[in-house]
Amino acid sequence: MIRIDEVWLAVDPLDMRAGFDTALARVVTVFGAAHPHHAYLFANRQANRLNVLVRDGIGIWLAARQLNLGRFVWPHAGSEPKHHGLT
């Protein structure tokens, strides 16, 4: 199990063709650093794909989810980054 203490939403869309390096660079640009046990969520412009980058203290995980129907409810671009502490 991967421990996640905090979750951050990046409101600006991410090109889902982006790989690990691009997603990590976006985390550092938007949030300042990839902190251990934090999850960083990104959606594409249509909000039907989601990437999750997690730093587990040892390495980095990048997971993706695509919806065949519907879309994720996502804040509008230009909003402040969203944060939710889980503890």
PDB file of N, CA and C in Angstrom:
ATOM      1  N   MET A   1       0.836  -1.165   0.000  1.00  0.00           N
ATOM      2  CA  MET A   1       0.000   0.000   0.000  1.00  0.00           C
ATOM      3  C   MET A   1       0.892   1.242   0.000  1.00  0.00           C
ATOM      4  N   ILE A   2       0.515   2.226  -0.781  1.00  0.00           N
ATOM      5  CA  ILE A   2       1.234   3.494  -0.834  1.00  0.00           C
ATOM      6  C   ILE A   2       0.568   4.455   0.142  1.00  0.00           C
ATOM      7  N   ARG A   3       1.355   4.989   1.055  1.00  0.00           N
ATOM      8  CA  ARG A   3       0.831   5.945   2.040  1.00  0.00           C
ATOM      9  C   ARG A   3       0.711   7.323   1.388  1.00  0.00           C
ATOM     10  N   ILE A   4      -0.468   7.929   1.521  1.00  0.00           N
ATOM     11  CA  ILE A   4      -0.693   9.286   1.015  1.00  0.00           C
ATOM     12  C   ILE A   4      -1.273  10.108   2.156  1.00  0.00           C
ATOM     13  N   ASP A   5      -0.526  11.155   2.535  1.00  0.00           N
ATOM     14  CA  ASP A   5      -0.961  12.032   3.617  1.00  0.00           C
ATOM     15  C   ASP A   5      -1.689  13.267   3.110  1.00  0.00           C
ATOM     16  N   GLU A   6      -1.335  13.738   1.922  1.00  0.00           N
ATOM     17  CA  GLU A   6      -1.951  14.941   1.375  1.00  0.00           C
ATOM     18  C   GLU A   6      -2.158  14.777  -0.123  1.00  0.00           C
ATOM     19  N   VAL A   7      -3.227  15.413  -0.614  1.00  0.00           N
ATOM     20  CA  VAL A   7      -3.580  15.359  -2.030  1.00  0.00           C
ATOM     21  C   VAL A   7      -3.664  16.790  -2.554  1.00  0.00           C
ATOM     22  N   TRP A   8      -3.048  17.033  -3.702  1.00  0.00           N
ATOM     23  CA  TRP A   8      -3.036  18.346  -4.336  1.00  0.00           C
ATOM     24  C   TRP A   8      -3.628  18.240  -5.734  1.00  0.00           C
ATOM     25  N   LEU A   9      -4.497  19.194  -6.100  1.00  0.00           N
ATOM     26  CA  LEU A   9      -5.069  19.250  -7.442  1.00  0.00           C
ATOM     27  C   LEU A   9      -4.422  20.374  -8.226  1.00  0.00           C
ATOM     28  N   ALA A  10      -3.885  20.055  -9.388  1.00  0.00           N
ATOM     29  CA  ALA A  10      -3.395  21.081 -10.299  1.00  0.00           C
ATOM     30  C   ALA A  10      -4.550  21.437 -11.220  1.00  0.00           C
ATOM     31  N   VAL A  11      -4.953  22.686 -11.225  1.00  0.00           N
ATOM     32  CA  VAL A  11      -6.156  23.059 -11.963  1.00  0.00           C
ATOM     33  C   VAL A  11      -5.896  23.290 -13.452  1.00  0.00           C
ATOM     34  N   ASP A  12      -4.671  23.649 -13.837  1.00  0.00           N
ATOM     35  CA  ASP A  12      -4.374  23.821 -15.256  1.00  0.00           C
ATOM     36  C   ASP A  12      -4.221  22.451 -15.904  1.00  0.00           C
ATOM     37  N   PRO A  13      -4.777  22.265 -17.107  1.00  0.00           N
ATOM     38  CA  PRO A  13      -4.721  20.949 -17.752  1.00  0.00           C
ATOM     39  C   PRO A  13      -3.292  20.524 -18.081  1.00  0.00           C
ATOM     40  N   LEU A  14      -3.093  19.217 -18.100  1.00  0.00           N
ATOM     41  CA  LEU A  14      -1.811  18.617 -18.457  1.00  0.00           C
ATOM     42  C   LEU A  14      -2.013  17.777 -19.709  1.00  0.00           C
ATOM     43  N   ASP A  15      -1.101  17.887 -20.659  1.00  0.00           N
ATOM     44  CA  ASP A  15      -1.128  17.052 -21.854  1.00  0.00           C
ATOM     45  C   ASP A  15      -0.857  15.617 -21.407  1.00  0.00           C
ATOM     46  N   MET A  16      -1.794  14.728 -21.609  1.00  0.00           N
ATOM     47  CA  MET A  16      -1.678  13.364 -21.113  1.00  0.00           C
ATOM     48  C   MET A  16      -0.660  12.535 -21.881  1.00  0.00           C
ATOM     49  N   ARG A  17      -0.091  13.082 -22.945  1.00  0.00           N
ATOM     50  CA  ARG A  17       1.018  12.409 -23.605  1.00  0.00           C
ATOM     51  C   ARG A  17       2.304  12.615 -22.807  1.00  0.00           C
ATOM     52  N   ALA A  18       2.249  13.535 -21.850  1.00  0.00           N
ATOM     53  CA  ALA A  18       3.413  13.837 -21.014  1.00  0.00           C
ATOM     54  C   ALA A  18       3.792  12.609 -20.205  1.00  0.00           C
ATOM     55  N   GLY A  19       5.064  12.400 -20.077  1.00  0.00           N
ATOM     56  CA  GLY A  19       5.546  11.276 -19.297  1.00  0.00           C
ATOM     57  C   GLY A  19       5.900  11.684 -17.877  1.00  0.00           C
ATOM     58  N   PHE A  20       6.611  10.807 -17.239  1.00  0.00           N
ATOM     59  CA  PHE A  20       7.024  10.982 -15.855  1.00  0.00           C
ATOM     60  C   PHE A  20       7.781  12.292 -15.641  1.00  0.00           C
ATOM     61  N   ASP A  21       8.771  12.578 -16.492  1.00  0.00           N
ATOM     62  CA  ASP A  21       9.606  13.766 -16.314  1.00  0.00           C
ATOM     63  C   ASP A  21       8.803  15.057 -16.433  1.00  0.00           C
ATOM     64  N   THR A  22       7.900  15.119 -17.396  1.00  0.00           N
ATOM     65  CA  THR A  22       7.076  16.311 -17.579  1.00  0.00           C
ATOM     66  C   THR A  22       6.118  16.506 -16.414  1.00  0.00           C
ATOM     67  N   ALA A  23       5.492  15.423 -15.952  1.00  0.00           N
ATOM     68  CA  ALA A  23       4.576  15.514 -14.810  1.00  0.00           C
ATOM     69  C   ALA A  23       5.331  15.954 -13.558  1.00  0.00           C
ATOM     70  N   LEU A  24       6.519  15.402 -13.328  1.00  0.00           N
ATOM     71  CA  LEU A  24       7.314  15.791 -12.160  1.00  0.00           C
ATOM     72  C   LEU A  24       7.742  17.254 -12.265  1.00  0.00           C
ATOM     73  N   ALA A  25       8.133  17.703 -13.451  1.00  0.00           N
ATOM     74  CA  ALA A  25       8.506  19.106 -13.643  1.00  0.00           C
ATOM     75  C   ALA A  25       7.322  20.018 -13.358  1.00  0.00           C
ATOM     76  N   ARG A  26       6.117  19.611 -13.763  1.00  0.00           N
ATOM     77  CA  ARG A  26       4.913  20.411 -13.476  1.00  0.00           C
ATOM     78  C   ARG A  26       4.659  20.475 -11.981  1.00  0.00           C
ATOM     79  N   VAL A  27       4.844  19.363 -11.270  1.00  0.00           N
ATOM     80  CA  VAL A  27       4.669  19.359  -9.813  1.00  0.00           C
ATOM     81  C   VAL A  27       5.620  20.369  -9.173  1.00  0.00           C
ATOM     82  N   VAL A  28       6.871  20.329  -9.575  1.00  0.00           N
ATOM     83  CA  VAL A  28       7.860  21.244  -8.993  1.00  0.00           C
ATOM     84  C   VAL A  28       7.511  22.691  -9.332  1.00  0.00           C
ATOM     85  N   THR A  29       7.086  22.952 -10.567  1.00  0.00           N
ATOM     86  CA  THR A  29       6.717  24.303 -10.977  1.00  0.00           C
ATOM     87  C   THR A  29       5.499  24.821 -10.218  1.00  0.00           C
ATOM     88  N   VAL A  30       4.459  24.005 -10.119  1.00  0.00           N
ATOM     89  CA  VAL A  30       3.198  24.437  -9.519  1.00  0.00           C
ATOM     90  C   VAL A  30       3.243  24.414  -7.993  1.00  0.00           C
ATOM     91  N   PHE A  31       3.810  23.358  -7.420  1.00  0.00           N
ATOM     92  CA  PHE A  31       3.736  23.162  -5.974  1.00  0.00           C
ATOM     93  C   PHE A  31       5.059  23.414  -5.250  1.00  0.00           C
ATOM     94  N   GLY A  32       6.140  23.635  -5.967  1.00  0.00           N
ATOM     95  CA  GLY A  32       7.424  23.934  -5.347  1.00  0.00           C
ATOM     96  C   GLY A  32       8.328  22.730  -5.180  1.00  0.00           C
ATOM     97  N   ALA A  33       7.768  21.567  -4.969  1.00  0.00           N
ATOM     98  CA  ALA A  33       8.538  20.330  -4.790  1.00  0.00           C
ATOM     99  C   ALA A  33       7.567  19.157  -4.766  1.00  0.00           C
ATOM    100  N   ALA A  34       8.096  17.974  -4.996  1.00  0.00           N
ATOM    101  CA  ALA A  34       7.307  16.747  -4.840  1.00  0.00           C
ATOM    102  C   ALA A  34       7.617  16.200  -3.448  1.00  0.00           C
ATOM    103  N   HIS A  35       6.724  16.446  -2.516  1.00  0.00           N
ATOM    104  CA  HIS A  35       6.954  16.073  -1.121  1.00  0.00           C
ATOM    105  C   HIS A  35       6.624  14.598  -0.883  1.00  0.00           C
ATOM    106  N   PRO A  36       7.344  13.932   0.025  1.00  0.00           N
ATOM    107  CA  PRO A  36       7.052  12.534   0.333  1.00  0.00           C
ATOM    108  C   PRO A  36       5.621  12.351   0.853  1.00  0.00           C
ATOM    109  N   HIS A  37       4.988  11.303   0.401  1.00  0.00           N
ATOM    110  CA  HIS A  37       3.642  10.902   0.825  1.00  0.00           C
ATOM    111  C   HIS A  37       2.575  11.919   0.416  1.00  0.00           C
ATOM    112  N   HIS A  38       2.833  12.641  -0.667  1.00  0.00           N
ATOM    113  CA  HIS A  38       1.856  13.559  -1.246  1.00  0.00           C
ATOM    114  C   HIS A  38       1.470  13.031  -2.619  1.00  0.00           C
ATOM    115  N   ALA A  39       0.205  13.213  -2.988  1.00  0.00           N
ATOM    116  CA  ALA A  39      -0.294  12.849  -4.317  1.00  0.00           C
ATOM    117  C   ALA A  39      -0.645  14.133  -5.062  1.00  0.00           C
ATOM    118  N   TYR A  40      -0.273  14.203  -6.318  1.00  0.00           N
ATOM    119  CA  TYR A  40      -0.524  15.365  -7.164  1.00  0.00           C
ATOM    120  C   TYR A  40      -1.377  14.914  -8.334  1.00  0.00           C
ATOM    121  N   LEU A  41      -2.581  15.509  -8.474  1.00  0.00           N
ATOM    122  CA  LEU A  41      -3.530  15.094  -9.497  1.00  0.00           C
ATOM    123  C   LEU A  41      -3.595  16.125 -10.610  1.00  0.00           C
ATOM    124  N   PHE A  42      -3.606  15.611 -11.853  1.00  0.00           N
ATOM    125  CA  PHE A  42      -3.702  16.437 -13.053  1.00  0.00           C
ATOM    126  C   PHE A  42      -4.769  15.842 -13.959  1.00  0.00           C
ATOM    127  N   ALA A  43      -5.537  16.705 -14.604  1.00  0.00           N
ATOM    128  CA  ALA A  43      -6.519  16.261 -15.593  1.00  0.00           C
ATOM    129  C   ALA A  43      -6.155  16.874 -16.945  1.00  0.00           C
ATOM    130  N   ASN A  44      -6.679  16.271 -18.001  1.00  0.00           N
ATOM    131  CA  ASN A  44      -6.509  16.863 -19.322  1.00  0.00           C
ATOM    132  C   ASN A  44      -7.562  17.947 -19.528  1.00  0.00           C
ATOM    133  N   ARG A  45      -7.509  18.622 -20.662  1.00  0.00           N
ATOM    134  CA  ARG A  45      -8.422  19.742 -20.934  1.00  0.00           C
ATOM    135  C   ARG A  45      -9.892  19.304 -20.911  1.00  0.00           C
ATOM    136  N   GLN A  46     -10.190  18.094 -21.390  1.00  0.00           N
ATOM    137  CA  GLN A  46     -11.576  17.598 -21.415  1.00  0.00           C
ATOM    138  C   GLN A  46     -12.014  17.016 -20.073  1.00  0.00           C
ATOM    139  N   ALA A  47     -11.072  16.871 -19.143  1.00  0.00           N
ATOM    140  CA  ALA A  47     -11.324  16.312 -17.801  1.00  0.00           C
ATOM    141  C   ALA A  47     -11.874  14.885 -17.862  1.00  0.00           C
ATOM    142  N   ASN A  48     -11.468  14.127 -18.881  1.00  0.00           N
ATOM    143  CA  ASN A  48     -11.870  12.721 -18.935  1.00  0.00           C
ATOM    144  C   ASN A  48     -10.678  11.783 -18.708  1.00  0.00           C
ATOM    145  N   ARG A  49      -9.493  12.359 -18.498  1.00  0.00           N
ATOM    146  CA  ARG A  49      -8.296  11.585 -18.149  1.00  0.00           C
ATOM    147  C   ARG A  49      -7.640  12.241 -16.946  1.00  0.00           C
ATOM    148  N   LEU A  50      -7.047  11.398 -16.112  1.00  0.00           N
ATOM    149  CA  LEU A  50      -6.445  11.853 -14.870  1.00  0.00           C
ATOM    150  C   LEU A  50      -5.086  11.196 -14.699  1.00  0.00           C
ATOM    151  N   ASN A  51      -4.075  11.971 -14.337  1.00  0.00           N
ATOM    152  CA  ASN A  51      -2.768  11.440 -13.957  1.00  0.00           C
ATOM    153  C   ASN A  51      -2.547  11.748 -12.485  1.00  0.00           C
ATOM    154  N   VAL A  52      -1.998  10.785 -11.778  1.00  0.00           N
ATOM    155  CA  VAL A  52      -1.682  10.949 -10.360  1.00  0.00           C
ATOM    156  C   VAL A  52      -0.203  10.645 -10.181  1.00  0.00           C
ATOM    157  N   LEU A  53       0.522  11.611  -9.651  1.00  0.00           N
ATOM    158  CA  LEU A  53       1.932  11.421  -9.353  1.00  0.00           C
ATOM    159  C   LEU A  53       2.063  11.380  -7.834  1.00  0.00           C
ATOM    160  N   VAL A  54       2.706  10.335  -7.323  1.00  0.00           N
ATOM    161  CA  VAL A  54       2.878  10.154  -5.877  1.00  0.00           C
ATOM    162  C   VAL A  54       4.351   9.943  -5.572  1.00  0.00           C
ATOM    163  N   ARG A  55       4.855  10.695  -4.616  1.00  0.00           N
ATOM    164  CA  ARG A  55       6.205  10.444  -4.110  1.00  0.00           C
ATOM    165  C   ARG A  55       6.031   9.659  -2.821  1.00  0.00           C
ATOM    166  N   ASP A  56       6.554   8.440  -2.786  1.00  0.00           N
ATOM    167  CA  ASP A  56       6.336   7.563  -1.635  1.00  0.00           C
ATOM    168  C   ASP A  56       7.486   7.593  -0.636  1.00  0.00           C
ATOM    169  N   GLY A  57       8.454   8.476  -0.815  1.00  0.00           N
ATOM    170  CA  GLY A  57       9.588   8.545   0.089  1.00  0.00           C
ATOM    171  C   GLY A  57      10.799   7.796  -0.441  1.00  0.00           C
ATOM    172  N   ILE A  58      10.587   6.875  -1.367  1.00  0.00           N
ATOM    173  CA  ILE A  58      11.667   6.111  -1.987  1.00  0.00           C
ATOM    174  C   ILE A  58      11.783   6.471  -3.461  1.00  0.00           C
ATOM    175  N   GLY A  59      10.658   6.611  -4.105  1.00  0.00           N
ATOM    176  CA  GLY A  59      10.622   6.906  -5.530  1.00  0.00           C
ATOM    177  C   GLY A  59       9.339   7.621  -5.890  1.00  0.00           C
ATOM    178  N   ILE A  60       9.063   7.663  -7.186  1.00  0.00           N
ATOM    179  CA  ILE A  60       7.888   8.358  -7.716  1.00  0.00           C
ATOM    180  C   ILE A  60       7.013   7.352  -8.456  1.00  0.00           C
ATOM    181  N   TRP A  61       5.697   7.424  -8.236  1.00  0.00           N
ATOM    182  CA  TRP A  61       4.713   6.618  -8.951  1.00  0.00           C
ATOM    183  C   TRP A  61       3.912   7.545  -9.855  1.00  0.00           C
ATOM    184  N   LEU A  62       3.604   7.100 -11.051  1.00  0.00           N
ATOM    185  CA  LEU A  62       2.721   7.831 -11.951  1.00  0.00           C
ATOM    186  C   LEU A  62       1.643   6.870 -12.424  1.00  0.00           C
ATOM    187  N   ALA A  63       0.401   7.216 -12.121  1.00  0.00           N
ATOM    188  CA  ALA A  63      -0.733   6.381 -12.515  1.00  0.00           C
ATOM    189  C   ALA A  63      -1.666   7.212 -13.387  1.00  0.00           C
ATOM    190  N   ALA A  64      -2.425   6.538 -14.239  1.00  0.00           N
ATOM    191  CA  ALA A  64      -3.361   7.215 -15.130  1.00  0.00           C
ATOM    192  C   ALA A  64      -4.718   6.537 -15.073  1.00  0.00           C
ATOM    193  N   ARG A  65      -5.760   7.331 -15.286  1.00  0.00           N
ATOM    194  CA  ARG A  65      -7.131   6.821 -15.328  1.00  0.00           C
ATOM    195  C   ARG A  65      -7.861   7.535 -16.449  1.00  0.00           C
ATOM    196  N   GLN A  66      -8.582   6.784 -17.277  1.00  0.00           N
ATOM    197  CA  GLN A  66      -9.358   7.376 -18.369  1.00  0.00           C
ATOM    198  C   GLN A  66     -10.806   6.949 -18.228  1.00  0.00           C
ATOM    199  N   LEU A  67     -11.710   7.907 -18.371  1.00  0.00           N
ATOM    200  CA  LEU A  67     -13.141   7.605 -18.351  1.00  0.00           C
ATOM    201  C   LEU A  67     -13.634   7.409 -19.776  1.00  0.00           C
ATOM    202  N   ASN A  68     -14.393   6.359 -20.016  1.00  0.00           N
ATOM    203  CA  ASN A  68     -14.987   6.141 -21.335  1.00  0.00           C
ATOM    204  C   ASN A  68     -16.198   7.036 -21.536  1.00  0.00           C
ATOM    205  N   LEU A  69     -16.928   7.296 -20.461  1.00  0.00           N
ATOM    206  CA  LEU A  69     -18.090   8.188 -20.488  1.00  0.00           C
ATOM    207  C   LEU A  69     -17.976   9.172 -19.344  1.00  0.00           C
ATOM    208  N   GLY A  70     -18.444  10.375 -19.562  1.00  0.00           N
ATOM    209  CA  GLY A  70     -18.449  11.376 -18.505  1.00  0.00           C
ATOM    210  C   GLY A  70     -17.101  12.053 -18.347  1.00  0.00           C
ATOM    211  N   ARG A  71     -16.994  12.806 -17.258  1.00  0.00           N
ATOM    212  CA  ARG A  71     -15.768  13.534 -16.986  1.00  0.00           C
ATOM    213  C   ARG A  71     -15.615  13.744 -15.490  1.00  0.00           C
ATOM    214  N   PHE A  72     -14.384  14.007 -15.069  1.00  0.00           N
ATOM    215  CA  PHE A  72     -14.114  14.318 -13.677  1.00  0.00           C
ATOM    216  C   PHE A  72     -14.589  15.739 -13.390  1.00  0.00           C
ATOM    217  N   VAL A  73     -15.068  15.972 -12.183  1.00  0.00           N
ATOM    218  CA  VAL A  73     -15.413  17.327 -11.763  1.00  0.00           C
ATOM    219  C   VAL A  73     -14.098  17.984 -11.371  1.00  0.00           C
ATOM    220  N   TRP A  74     -13.742  19.082 -12.050  1.00  0.00           N
ATOM    221  CA  TRP A  74     -12.425  19.676 -11.884  1.00  0.00           C
ATOM    222  C   TRP A  74     -12.532  21.184 -11.778  1.00  0.00           C
ATOM    223  N   PRO A  75     -11.739  21.818 -10.915  1.00  0.00           N
ATOM    224  CA  PRO A  75     -11.744  23.289 -10.834  1.00  0.00           C
ATOM    225  C   PRO A  75     -11.307  23.899 -12.163  1.00  0.00           C
ATOM    226  N   HIS A  76     -11.700  25.130 -12.406  1.00  0.00           N
ATOM    227  CA  HIS A  76     -11.345  25.822 -13.639  1.00  0.00           C
ATOM    228  C   HIS A  76      -9.886  26.238 -13.650  1.00  0.00           C
ATOM    229  N   ALA A  77      -9.292  26.240 -14.839  1.00  0.00           N
ATOM    230  CA  ALA A  77      -7.917  26.702 -15.003  1.00  0.00           C
ATOM    231  C   ALA A  77      -7.808  28.139 -14.521  1.00  0.00           C
ATOM    232  N   GLY A  78      -6.705  28.471 -13.916  1.00  0.00           N
ATOM    233  CA  GLY A  78      -6.490  29.807 -13.363  1.00  0.00           C
ATOM    234  C   GLY A  78      -6.837  29.896 -11.889  1.00  0.00           C
ATOM    235  N   SER A  79      -7.508  28.856 -11.348  1.00  0.00           N
ATOM    236  CA  SER A  79      -7.807  28.815  -9.912  1.00  0.00           C
ATOM    237  C   SER A  79      -6.526  28.526  -9.147  1.00  0.00           C
ATOM    238  N   GLU A  80      -6.549  28.782  -7.871  1.00  0.00           N
ATOM    239  CA  GLU A  80      -5.415  28.448  -7.025  1.00  0.00           C
ATOM    240  C   GLU A  80      -5.295  26.926  -6.916  1.00  0.00           C
ATOM    241  N   PRO A  81      -4.076  26.386  -6.746  1.00  0.00           N
ATOM    242  CA  PRO A  81      -3.934  24.946  -6.510  1.00  0.00           C
ATOM    243  C   PRO A  81      -4.742  24.528  -5.286  1.00  0.00           C
ATOM    244  N   LYS A  82      -5.365  23.393  -5.364  1.00  0.00           N
ATOM    245  CA  LYS A  82      -6.210  22.899  -4.261  1.00  0.00           C
ATOM    246  C   LYS A  82      -5.459  21.869  -3.456  1.00  0.00           C
ATOM    247  N   HIS A  83      -5.688  21.864  -2.147  1.00  0.00           N
ATOM    248  CA  HIS A  83      -4.980  20.988  -1.229  1.00  0.00           C
ATOM    249  C   HIS A  83      -5.977  20.352  -0.274  1.00  0.00           C
ATOM    250  N   HIS A  84      -5.767  19.070  -0.002  1.00  0.00           N
ATOM    251  CA  HIS A  84      -6.577  18.394   0.999  1.00  0.00           C
ATOM    252  C   HIS A  84      -5.674  17.531   1.854  1.00  0.00           C
ATOM    253  N   GLY A  85      -5.583  17.859   3.129  1.00  0.00           N
ATOM    254  CA  GLY A  85      -4.826  17.024   4.064  1.00  0.00           C
ATOM    255  C   GLY A  85      -5.693  15.862   4.510  1.00  0.00           C
ATOM    256  N   LEU A  86      -5.150  14.686   4.516  1.00  0.00           N
ATOM    257  CA  LEU A  86      -5.937  13.502   4.860  1.00  0.00           C
ATOM    258  C   LEU A  86      -5.845  13.141   6.336  1.00  0.00           C
ATOM    259  N   THR A  87      -4.975  13.801   7.087  1.00  0.00           N
ATOM    260  CA  THR A  87      -4.833  13.441   8.494  1.00  0.00           C
ATOM    261  C   THR A  87      -5.613  14.361   9.383  1.00  0.00           C
TER     262      THR A  87
END
